[in-house]
Amino acid sequence: MLDLCEKRILVTGGAGFLGRQVVSQLIEAGAQPEKITVPRSRDWDLRVWEQCQRAADQQDIVVHLAAHVGGIGLNREKPAELFYDNLMMGGQLIHAAWEAGVTKFVCVGTICAYPKFTPVPFKEDDLWEGYPEETNAPYGIAKKALLVQLQAYRQQYGFNGVYLLPVNLYGPEDNFDPRSSHVIPALIRKVHEAQVGQEPTLSVWGDGSPTREFLYSSDAAAGIVMAAQAYNQPEPVNLGTNHEISIRDLAELICELMEFTGEIVWDVDKPNGQPRRCLDTERARSSFGFTAQVPFREGLKNTIDWYRHQAQ
């Protein structure tokens, strides 16, 4: 188990939704707050090589969470930006960390890297068995390239980089912007606005048939910190719950928890995205003891309560 007490730790994206949880849990695990660096995007542009060099300088551990990411809408609107930004940020930061003598690099990838028709549950060994779902392929491939880079740097340089594949995240402080949010915050906001506007119907993208798996943000942070301390292998690792729910059932559950009694109208002209998503989580459990703790219904209620409080 890696002792974090004296380690200098860079957490890119550390001011974001997941990043704040990771920083908090790093401190709980023994890291000293004054030794944790959180570069803010307004001051640090990790697409610029010199900025990556400056960020990695004199760090012991890098946890790379920063990403340009969003839901289906953003993926369709800005595929080039999502590919370029994520590839350049990650690729340059990995190289800068290796040059700077960083001893551990934890890279957080994406479930979007998996092939469109991956057998369920997704096993890490299936990652290269096909092309990702088209709407998010540029983002997914850019992030998956970082796995290849880390494995290559381990092989040639002995660089200790590990790669984690968290499933869709949710929780309080998520991104609720309708232009870029993922499905859970998007649905919560839609239901809330329908209630405020006393609308009789709720329009939801697709036909409701795809399935998704969701991981509460504090659980994801726990998995990342546990991997930073105890996982040192080249193989990628899924972080999830191994619990699958259809978008139709998800929408109905959110409506139930928010006491929305209107009709759900499915906009079948909009894309569904990947048909199914559910992870095999055995490698995380056996390699560093991670299992998710927060029940889905409880996590949804916490997220809804937080959003309603903010929307008042």
Protein backbone atom coordinates (compact mmCIF):
# COMPACT_ATOMS: atom_id res chain seq x y z
CA MET A 1 0.00 0.00 0.00
CA LEU A 2 1.50 3.32 -1.12
CA ASP A 3 1.89 5.80 1.75
CA LEU A 4 0.56 9.15 0.55
CA CYS A 5 1.74 11.19 3.55
CA GLU A 6 4.80 12.83 2.00
CA LYS A 7 3.78 12.54 -1.66
CA ARG A 8 3.38 15.57 -3.89
CA ILE A 9 0.22 14.88 -5.89
CA LEU A 10 -1.08 16.60 -9.02
CA VAL A 11 -4.83 16.15 -9.61
CA THR A 12 -5.88 17.48 -13.01
CA GLY A 13 -9.59 18.21 -13.04
CA GLY A 14 -9.36 18.33 -9.24
CA ALA A 15 -11.77 21.25 -9.01
CA GLY A 16 -14.46 19.41 -10.96
CA PHE A 17 -17.38 17.19 -10.05
CA LEU A 18 -15.31 14.03 -9.51
CA GLY A 19 -12.06 15.82 -8.74
CA ARG A 20 -13.26 17.44 -5.53
CA GLN A 21 -14.25 14.01 -4.24
CA VAL A 22 -10.87 12.56 -5.22
CA VAL A 23 -8.95 15.35 -3.47
CA SER A 24 -11.06 14.90 -0.33
CA GLN A 25 -10.49 11.15 -0.29
CA LEU A 26 -6.76 11.52 -0.96
CA ILE A 27 -6.60 13.64 2.19
CA GLU A 28 -8.63 11.06 4.13
CA ALA A 29 -6.14 8.43 2.93
CA GLY A 30 -3.22 10.39 4.37
CA ALA A 31 -2.17 12.93 1.75
CA GLN A 32 -1.25 16.36 3.04
CA PRO A 33 -3.51 19.11 1.62
CA GLU A 34 -0.57 21.47 1.06
CA LYS A 35 1.14 18.84 -1.10
CA ILE A 36 -1.84 18.45 -3.47
CA THR A 37 -1.82 20.64 -6.59
CA VAL A 38 -5.05 21.29 -8.49
CA PRO A 39 -4.39 23.18 -11.74
CA ARG A 40 -7.39 25.27 -12.81
CA SER A 41 -8.25 25.32 -16.50
CA ARG A 42 -8.37 29.13 -16.58
CA ASP A 43 -4.69 29.22 -15.55
CA TRP A 44 -3.38 25.96 -17.03
CA ASP A 45 -4.02 24.79 -20.59
CA LEU A 46 -2.87 21.17 -20.69
CA ARG A 47 -3.12 21.16 -24.48
CA VAL A 48 0.08 23.25 -24.39
CA TRP A 49 3.30 21.27 -23.89
CA GLU A 50 5.02 23.81 -21.65
CA GLN A 51 1.98 23.89 -19.35
CA CYS A 52 2.15 20.09 -18.97
CA GLN A 53 5.85 20.32 -18.13
CA ARG A 54 5.14 22.95 -15.49
CA ALA A 55 2.28 20.90 -14.03
CA ALA A 56 4.29 17.67 -13.76
CA ASP A 57 7.46 19.26 -12.39
CA GLN A 58 8.47 17.91 -8.96
CA GLN A 59 5.32 15.77 -8.57
CA ASP A 60 5.42 12.24 -7.17
CA ILE A 61 1.94 11.15 -8.28
CA VAL A 62 -0.30 12.41 -11.08
CA VAL A 63 -4.03 11.66 -11.10
CA HIS A 64 -5.33 12.70 -14.51
CA LEU A 65 -9.06 13.39 -14.38
CA ALA A 66 -9.27 16.45 -16.63
CA ALA A 67 -11.35 15.89 -19.75
CA HIS A 68 -13.43 17.73 -22.31
CA VAL A 69 -16.57 15.65 -22.02
CA GLY A 70 -20.36 15.74 -22.35
CA GLY A 71 -23.42 13.80 -23.41
CA ILE A 72 -24.60 12.68 -26.84
CA GLY A 73 -25.46 16.24 -27.86
CA LEU A 74 -21.96 17.59 -27.27
CA ASN A 75 -20.37 14.51 -28.87
CA ARG A 76 -22.38 15.10 -32.05
CA GLU A 77 -21.72 18.84 -32.07
CA LYS A 78 -17.98 18.91 -31.32
CA PRO A 79 -16.34 15.56 -32.16
CA ALA A 80 -13.11 17.17 -33.40
CA GLU A 81 -12.66 19.26 -30.26
CA LEU A 82 -13.34 16.28 -28.03
CA PHE A 83 -10.80 14.14 -29.91
CA TYR A 84 -8.05 16.78 -30.04
CA ASP A 85 -8.42 18.19 -26.55
CA ASN A 86 -8.47 14.85 -24.76
CA LEU A 87 -5.66 13.32 -26.83
CA MET A 88 -3.37 16.33 -26.41
CA MET A 89 -4.03 16.85 -22.71
CA GLY A 90 -3.45 13.22 -21.80
CA GLY A 91 -0.67 12.40 -24.23
CA GLN A 92 1.47 15.40 -23.37
CA LEU A 93 0.88 15.10 -19.63
CA ILE A 94 1.94 11.44 -19.62
CA HIS A 95 5.15 12.31 -21.47
CA ALA A 96 5.84 15.30 -19.21
CA ALA A 97 5.26 13.14 -16.11
CA TRP A 98 7.69 10.51 -17.36
CA GLU A 99 10.30 13.17 -18.14
CA ALA A 100 9.82 14.73 -14.69
CA GLY A 101 10.38 11.43 -12.88
CA VAL A 102 6.82 11.02 -11.59
CA THR A 103 6.62 7.64 -9.84
CA LYS A 104 2.88 6.90 -10.34
CA PHE A 105 0.44 8.06 -13.01
CA VAL A 106 -3.26 7.28 -12.59
CA CYS A 107 -5.21 7.90 -15.79
CA VAL A 108 -9.00 7.94 -15.69
CA GLY A 109 -10.39 6.80 -19.03
CA THR A 110 -13.97 6.35 -20.20
CA ILE A 111 -16.59 3.68 -20.75
CA CYS A 112 -17.01 5.23 -24.22
CA ALA A 113 -13.79 3.47 -25.23
CA TYR A 114 -15.54 0.09 -25.37
CA PRO A 115 -16.83 -1.29 -28.70
CA LYS A 116 -20.43 -0.49 -29.60
CA PHE A 117 -21.53 -4.12 -29.32
CA THR A 118 -19.44 -5.32 -26.39
CA PRO A 119 -20.76 -8.52 -24.73
CA VAL A 120 -22.39 -7.70 -21.39
CA PRO A 121 -20.94 -7.44 -18.81
CA PHE A 122 -18.01 -5.56 -20.36
CA LYS A 123 -14.71 -7.24 -19.55
CA GLU A 124 -11.49 -5.24 -19.84
CA ASP A 125 -10.14 -7.79 -22.32
CA ASP A 126 -12.98 -6.85 -24.73
CA LEU A 127 -11.73 -3.28 -25.11
CA TRP A 128 -10.22 -3.88 -28.56
CA GLU A 129 -12.93 -6.13 -30.02
CA GLY A 130 -14.57 -3.46 -32.20
CA TYR A 131 -15.22 0.21 -32.92
CA PRO A 132 -16.92 2.40 -30.28
CA GLU A 133 -20.48 3.68 -30.63
CA GLU A 134 -20.34 6.27 -33.40
CA THR A 135 -21.65 9.33 -31.56
CA ASN A 136 -18.91 9.21 -28.93
CA ALA A 137 -16.14 7.36 -30.82
CA PRO A 138 -13.79 10.38 -31.23
CA TYR A 139 -13.83 11.01 -27.49
CA GLY A 140 -13.60 7.33 -26.61
CA ILE A 141 -10.71 6.61 -28.99
CA ALA A 142 -8.75 9.66 -27.80
CA LYS A 143 -9.01 8.44 -24.21
CA LYS A 144 -8.24 4.84 -25.16
CA ALA A 145 -5.04 5.96 -26.89
CA LEU A 146 -3.77 6.99 -23.45
CA LEU A 147 -3.97 3.35 -22.33
CA VAL A 148 -1.72 2.38 -25.24
CA GLN A 149 0.69 5.17 -24.34
CA LEU A 150 0.89 4.13 -20.68
CA GLN A 151 1.47 0.50 -21.60
CA ALA A 152 4.18 1.49 -24.09
CA TYR A 153 5.91 3.74 -21.55
CA ARG A 154 5.78 0.93 -18.99
CA GLN A 155 7.31 -1.49 -21.50
CA GLN A 156 10.09 0.82 -22.69
CA TYR A 157 10.76 3.03 -19.67
CA GLY A 158 9.35 1.13 -16.68
CA PHE A 159 6.91 4.01 -16.09
CA ASN A 160 4.23 3.06 -13.54
CA GLY A 161 1.04 4.24 -15.21
CA VAL A 162 -2.36 2.67 -14.52
CA TYR A 163 -5.60 3.10 -16.43
CA LEU A 164 -9.11 3.06 -14.94
CA LEU A 165 -12.43 2.79 -16.78
CA PRO A 166 -15.23 4.26 -14.67
CA VAL A 167 -18.77 3.76 -15.84
CA ASN A 168 -21.16 6.75 -16.13
CA LEU A 169 -20.88 8.89 -12.99
CA TYR A 170 -23.58 10.78 -11.15
CA GLY A 171 -24.07 12.56 -7.84
CA PRO A 172 -24.41 15.97 -6.19
CA GLU A 173 -22.49 18.78 -7.92
CA ASP A 174 -22.78 17.04 -11.30
CA ASN A 175 -23.04 19.07 -14.51
CA PHE A 176 -26.71 19.97 -15.04
CA ASP A 177 -26.15 22.18 -18.12
CA PRO A 178 -28.63 20.83 -20.73
CA ARG A 179 -26.12 21.47 -23.55
CA SER A 180 -23.48 19.14 -22.17
CA SER A 181 -24.85 17.07 -19.28
CA HIS A 182 -25.15 13.29 -19.13
CA VAL A 183 -28.42 11.42 -18.80
CA ILE A 184 -29.10 11.51 -15.03
CA PRO A 185 -28.55 15.26 -14.47
CA ALA A 186 -30.30 15.99 -17.78
CA LEU A 187 -33.38 14.02 -16.71
CA ILE A 188 -33.44 15.53 -13.22
CA ARG A 189 -33.34 19.03 -14.65
CA LYS A 190 -35.99 18.24 -17.26
CA VAL A 191 -38.36 16.84 -14.65
CA HIS A 192 -37.79 19.78 -12.33
CA GLU A 193 -38.45 22.30 -15.11
CA ALA A 194 -41.55 20.40 -16.23
CA GLN A 195 -42.87 20.56 -12.67
CA VAL A 196 -42.10 24.26 -12.31
CA GLY A 197 -43.78 24.95 -15.66
CA GLN A 198 -46.66 22.58 -14.86
CA GLU A 199 -46.03 20.73 -18.11
CA PRO A 200 -48.14 17.59 -18.70
CA THR A 201 -45.42 15.74 -20.63
CA LEU A 202 -41.69 15.09 -20.49
CA SER A 203 -39.68 14.61 -23.71
CA VAL A 204 -36.74 12.18 -23.49
CA TRP A 205 -34.21 11.33 -26.24
CA GLY A 206 -34.38 7.92 -27.92
CA ASP A 207 -36.79 5.06 -27.32
CA GLY A 208 -35.75 4.16 -23.77
CA SER A 209 -34.36 0.73 -24.67
CA PRO A 210 -30.59 1.25 -24.07
CA THR A 211 -29.22 0.21 -20.72
CA ARG A 212 -26.67 2.01 -18.61
CA GLU A 213 -24.73 1.47 -15.42
CA PHE A 214 -24.09 4.35 -13.02
CA LEU A 215 -21.47 4.87 -10.33
CA TYR A 216 -21.94 7.38 -7.52
CA SER A 217 -19.20 10.01 -7.51
CA SER A 218 -17.90 9.24 -4.00
CA ASP A 219 -17.62 5.55 -4.93
CA ALA A 220 -15.69 6.43 -8.09
CA ALA A 221 -13.33 8.63 -6.07
CA ALA A 222 -12.76 5.81 -3.59
CA GLY A 223 -11.84 3.45 -6.43
CA ILE A 224 -9.40 5.96 -7.93
CA VAL A 225 -7.65 6.56 -4.60
CA MET A 226 -7.49 2.83 -3.87
CA ALA A 227 -5.90 2.23 -7.28
CA ALA A 228 -3.42 5.06 -6.68
CA GLN A 229 -2.33 3.34 -3.47
CA ALA A 230 -2.46 -0.33 -4.39
CA TYR A 231 -2.67 -1.06 -8.15
CA ASN A 232 0.51 -1.19 -10.25
CA GLN A 233 -0.30 -3.35 -13.28
CA PRO A 234 -0.55 -2.51 -17.02
CA GLU A 235 -4.04 -3.98 -17.54
CA PRO A 236 -6.97 -1.51 -17.50
CA VAL A 237 -9.50 -1.79 -14.68
CA ASN A 238 -13.27 -1.20 -14.74
CA LEU A 239 -14.84 0.82 -11.93
CA GLY A 240 -18.57 0.23 -11.63
CA THR A 241 -21.41 -1.47 -9.79
CA ASN A 242 -22.24 -4.37 -12.13
CA HIS A 243 -25.88 -3.17 -12.08
CA GLU A 244 -27.66 -2.31 -15.34
CA ILE A 245 -30.83 -0.23 -15.81
CA SER A 246 -32.69 0.77 -18.98
CA ILE A 247 -33.11 4.45 -19.82
CA ARG A 248 -36.88 3.85 -19.72
CA ASP A 249 -36.72 2.47 -16.19
CA LEU A 250 -34.31 5.21 -15.16
CA ALA A 251 -36.65 7.96 -16.41
CA GLU A 252 -39.58 6.35 -14.61
CA LEU A 253 -37.58 6.02 -11.39
CA ILE A 254 -36.52 9.68 -11.47
CA CYS A 255 -40.13 10.71 -12.12
CA GLU A 256 -41.21 8.58 -9.16
CA LEU A 257 -38.59 10.02 -6.80
CA MET A 258 -39.43 13.57 -7.92
CA GLU A 259 -43.22 12.90 -7.81
CA PHE A 260 -43.74 13.91 -11.43
CA THR A 261 -47.04 12.49 -12.67
CA GLY A 262 -46.93 13.66 -16.29
CA GLU A 263 -46.43 11.47 -19.35
CA ILE A 264 -43.00 10.56 -20.70
CA VAL A 265 -42.81 11.11 -24.48
CA TRP A 266 -39.96 9.32 -26.24
CA ASP A 267 -38.27 11.31 -29.03
CA VAL A 268 -37.36 8.38 -31.27
CA ASP A 269 -35.79 10.68 -33.89
CA LYS A 270 -32.93 11.30 -31.46
CA PRO A 271 -30.09 8.76 -31.10
CA ASN A 272 -30.06 6.08 -28.42
CA GLY A 273 -26.30 5.85 -28.08
CA GLN A 274 -24.64 2.55 -27.20
CA PRO A 275 -27.23 -0.27 -26.85
CA ARG A 276 -26.04 -1.65 -23.50
CA ARG A 277 -23.51 -0.78 -20.82
CA CYS A 278 -22.72 -2.88 -17.81
CA LEU A 279 -19.26 -3.65 -16.45
CA ASP A 280 -17.58 -6.73 -15.11
CA THR A 281 -16.04 -5.37 -11.89
CA GLU A 282 -14.13 -8.44 -10.70
CA ARG A 283 -10.66 -7.10 -11.57
CA ALA A 284 -11.10 -4.02 -9.34
CA ARG A 285 -12.36 -6.19 -6.48
CA SER A 286 -9.60 -8.78 -6.72
CA SER A 287 -6.76 -6.36 -7.53
CA PHE A 288 -7.29 -3.64 -4.92
CA GLY A 289 -10.49 -4.48 -3.04
CA PHE A 290 -12.86 -1.97 -4.63
CA THR A 291 -16.63 -2.49 -4.53
CA ALA A 292 -19.23 0.27 -4.83
CA GLN A 293 -21.06 1.14 -1.60
CA VAL A 294 -23.90 3.57 -2.42
CA PRO A 295 -27.24 1.97 -3.46
CA PHE A 296 -28.54 3.44 -6.72
CA ARG A 297 -31.88 4.66 -5.38
CA GLU A 298 -30.15 6.37 -2.46
CA GLY A 299 -27.60 8.01 -4.75
CA LEU A 300 -30.34 9.29 -7.06
CA LYS A 301 -32.27 10.75 -4.15
CA ASN A 302 -29.13 12.54 -2.89
CA THR A 303 -28.53 13.96 -6.37
CA ILE A 304 -32.13 15.11 -6.77
CA ASP A 305 -32.14 16.74 -3.32
CA TRP A 306 -28.91 18.60 -4.08
CA TYR A 307 -30.19 19.89 -7.42
CA ARG A 308 -33.52 21.03 -5.98
CA HIS A 309 -31.71 22.91 -3.23
CA GLN A 310 -29.52 24.66 -5.82
CA ALA A 311 -32.48 25.46 -8.06
CA GLN A 312 -34.45 27.24 -5.33
